[in-house]
Amino acid sequence: MNYYEKDPSIRPQIEHHIKMNNRKSLEISGVKEVDSFDNEEFLLQTVMGYLIVRGENLQMKNLDVGEGNVSIKGKIFELSYLDEQHGEKAKGLFSKLFK
């Protein structure tokens, strides 16, 4: 049983997929809202939590909030989820690693 099967309230009703092509383009489904973006970082609220996309020369290629689809082009460096429940543990681990 994985994390999302333990609590049925966490299980998303909408599918969430990410397709990356050669670190140059992303297609993301299950997006609820685009909170902020610039040419180096996108903050997206998805059905699985907040997703940060970091990179260089990032541009929004397509936005369909009704369907929950976002396309981003540019050089992708990082994709990471902000998990409220485990955020402090992750922060503690990274701070120990990079001291």
C-alpha atoms as a PDB file:
ATOM      1  CA  MET A   1       0.000   0.000   0.000  1.00  0.00           C
ATOM      2  CA  ASN A   2       1.533   3.306  -1.031  1.00  0.00           C
ATOM      3  CA  TYR A   3       1.138   6.751   0.570  1.00  0.00           C
ATOM      4  CA  TYR A   4      -1.912   7.764  -1.470  1.00  0.00           C
ATOM      5  CA  GLU A   5      -3.785   4.521  -0.804  1.00  0.00           C
ATOM      6  CA  LYS A   6      -3.573   4.910   3.001  1.00  0.00           C
ATOM      7  CA  ASP A   7      -5.945   7.851   3.158  1.00  0.00           C
ATOM      8  CA  PRO A   8      -8.782   7.892   0.601  1.00  0.00           C
ATOM      9  CA  SER A   9      -9.234  11.642   1.055  1.00  0.00           C
ATOM     10  CA  ILE A  10      -5.771  12.197  -0.465  1.00  0.00           C
ATOM     11  CA  ARG A  11      -6.466  10.120  -3.579  1.00  0.00           C
ATOM     12  CA  PRO A  12      -6.994  12.440  -6.549  1.00  0.00           C
ATOM     13  CA  GLN A  13     -10.155  12.319  -8.629  1.00  0.00           C
ATOM     14  CA  ILE A  14      -8.304  13.636 -11.693  1.00  0.00           C
ATOM     15  CA  GLU A  15      -5.287  11.906 -13.216  1.00  0.00           C
ATOM     16  CA  HIS A  16      -1.904  13.628 -12.910  1.00  0.00           C
ATOM     17  CA  HIS A  17       0.724  12.931 -15.568  1.00  0.00           C
ATOM     18  CA  ILE A  18       4.021  14.533 -16.492  1.00  0.00           C
ATOM     19  CA  LYS A  19       5.646  13.954 -19.859  1.00  0.00           C
ATOM     20  CA  MET A  20       9.128  15.356 -20.449  1.00  0.00           C
ATOM     21  CA  ASN A  21      10.806  15.365 -23.839  1.00  0.00           C
ATOM     22  CA  ASN A  22      14.627  15.714 -23.856  1.00  0.00           C
ATOM     23  CA  ARG A  23      14.547  18.172 -20.924  1.00  0.00           C
ATOM     24  CA  LYS A  24      13.249  20.748 -23.414  1.00  0.00           C
ATOM     25  CA  SER A  25       9.480  20.485 -22.970  1.00  0.00           C
ATOM     26  CA  LEU A  26       6.986  19.376 -20.347  1.00  0.00           C
ATOM     27  CA  GLU A  27       3.348  18.440 -20.625  1.00  0.00           C
ATOM     28  CA  ILE A  28       1.582  18.329 -17.255  1.00  0.00           C
ATOM     29  CA  SER A  29      -1.997  17.219 -16.606  1.00  0.00           C
ATOM     30  CA  GLY A  30      -3.989  17.488 -13.391  1.00  0.00           C
ATOM     31  CA  VAL A  31      -3.078  21.153 -12.857  1.00  0.00           C
ATOM     32  CA  LYS A  32      -5.548  23.092 -10.720  1.00  0.00           C
ATOM     33  CA  GLU A  33      -3.864  26.493 -10.844  1.00  0.00           C
ATOM     34  CA  VAL A  34      -0.689  28.259 -11.951  1.00  0.00           C
ATOM     35  CA  ASP A  35       0.355  30.218  -8.870  1.00  0.00           C
ATOM     36  CA  SER A  36       3.435  31.958 -10.264  1.00  0.00           C
ATOM     37  CA  PHE A  37       5.922  31.710 -13.083  1.00  0.00           C
ATOM     38  CA  ASP A  38       8.901  33.419 -14.631  1.00  0.00           C
ATOM     39  CA  ASN A  39      11.696  32.326 -16.952  1.00  0.00           C
ATOM     40  CA  GLU A  40      13.422  30.310 -14.169  1.00  0.00           C
ATOM     41  CA  GLU A  41      10.600  28.844 -12.055  1.00  0.00           C
ATOM     42  CA  PHE A  42       6.969  27.754 -12.266  1.00  0.00           C
ATOM     43  CA  LEU A  43       4.820  27.023  -9.203  1.00  0.00           C
ATOM     44  CA  LEU A  44       1.825  24.863 -10.101  1.00  0.00           C
ATOM     45  CA  GLN A  45      -0.937  23.586  -7.857  1.00  0.00           C
ATOM     46  CA  THR A  46      -1.752  20.054  -9.026  1.00  0.00           C
ATOM     47  CA  VAL A  47      -4.138  17.389  -7.779  1.00  0.00           C
ATOM     48  CA  MET A  48      -1.108  15.743  -6.131  1.00  0.00           C
ATOM     49  CA  GLY A  49       0.168  18.901  -4.388  1.00  0.00           C
ATOM     50  CA  TYR A  50       2.314  21.862  -5.326  1.00  0.00           C
ATOM     51  CA  LEU A  51       4.864  21.238  -8.070  1.00  0.00           C
ATOM     52  CA  ILE A  52       7.914  23.430  -8.700  1.00  0.00           C
ATOM     53  CA  VAL A  53       9.528  23.384 -12.130  1.00  0.00           C
ATOM     54  CA  ARG A  54      12.945  25.035 -12.270  1.00  0.00           C
ATOM     55  CA  GLY A  55      15.028  25.694 -15.332  1.00  0.00           C
ATOM     56  CA  GLU A  56      16.327  28.249 -17.795  1.00  0.00           C
ATOM     57  CA  ASN A  57      14.409  30.257 -20.407  1.00  0.00           C
ATOM     58  CA  LEU A  58      11.134  28.651 -19.316  1.00  0.00           C
ATOM     59  CA  GLN A  59       8.036  29.696 -21.238  1.00  0.00           C
ATOM     60  CA  MET A  60       4.424  28.636 -20.984  1.00  0.00           C
ATOM     61  CA  LYS A  61       3.594  27.076 -24.319  1.00  0.00           C
ATOM     62  CA  ASN A  62       0.003  26.078 -23.579  1.00  0.00           C
ATOM     63  CA  LEU A  63      -2.418  26.640 -20.690  1.00  0.00           C
ATOM     64  CA  ASP A  64      -5.811  24.970 -20.437  1.00  0.00           C
ATOM     65  CA  VAL A  65      -7.031  25.413 -16.868  1.00  0.00           C
ATOM     66  CA  GLY A  66     -10.439  23.967 -17.733  1.00  0.00           C
ATOM     67  CA  GLU A  67      -8.847  20.649 -18.675  1.00  0.00           C
ATOM     68  CA  GLY A  68      -5.946  21.040 -16.216  1.00  0.00           C
ATOM     69  CA  ASN A  69      -3.187  20.891 -18.835  1.00  0.00           C
ATOM     70  CA  VAL A  70      -0.028  23.002 -18.955  1.00  0.00           C
ATOM     71  CA  SER A  71       2.846  22.846 -21.442  1.00  0.00           C
ATOM     72  CA  ILE A  72       6.214  24.412 -20.645  1.00  0.00           C
ATOM     73  CA  LYS A  73       9.244  24.756 -22.894  1.00  0.00           C
ATOM     74  CA  GLY A  74      12.819  25.670 -22.024  1.00  0.00           C
ATOM     75  CA  LYS A  75      15.731  23.840 -20.388  1.00  0.00           C
ATOM     76  CA  ILE A  76      14.382  21.844 -17.416  1.00  0.00           C
ATOM     77  CA  PHE A  77      16.689  21.490 -14.393  1.00  0.00           C
ATOM     78  CA  GLU A  78      14.371  20.279 -11.633  1.00  0.00           C
ATOM     79  CA  LEU A  79      10.881  19.030 -10.820  1.00  0.00           C
ATOM     80  CA  SER A  80       9.932  18.810  -7.165  1.00  0.00           C
ATOM     81  CA  TYR A  81       6.791  18.503  -5.095  1.00  0.00           C
ATOM     82  CA  LEU A  82       6.199  20.479  -1.929  1.00  0.00           C
ATOM     83  CA  ASP A  83       4.775  17.963   0.502  1.00  0.00           C
ATOM     84  CA  GLU A  84       3.387  19.747   3.560  1.00  0.00           C
ATOM     85  CA  GLN A  85       3.424  16.639   5.740  1.00  0.00           C
ATOM     86  CA  HIS A  86       7.026  15.683   5.000  1.00  0.00           C
ATOM     87  CA  GLY A  87       8.496  19.106   4.222  1.00  0.00           C
ATOM     88  CA  GLU A  88      10.237  19.550   7.564  1.00  0.00           C
ATOM     89  CA  LYS A  89      11.862  16.106   7.370  1.00  0.00           C
ATOM     90  CA  ALA A  90      13.171  16.794   3.883  1.00  0.00           C
ATOM     91  CA  LYS A  91      14.448  20.219   4.875  1.00  0.00           C
ATOM     92  CA  GLY A  92      16.270  18.699   7.875  1.00  0.00           C
ATOM     93  CA  LEU A  93      17.859  15.996   5.740  1.00  0.00           C
ATOM     94  CA  PHE A  94      19.125  18.470   3.129  1.00  0.00           C
ATOM     95  CA  SER A  95      20.430  20.883   5.736  1.00  0.00           C
ATOM     96  CA  LYS A  96      22.454  18.008   7.277  1.00  0.00           C
ATOM     97  CA  LEU A  97      23.825  16.944   3.900  1.00  0.00           C
ATOM     98  CA  PHE A  98      24.957  20.423   2.866  1.00  0.00           C
ATOM     99  CA  LYS A  99      26.467  21.677   6.156  1.00  0.00           C
END
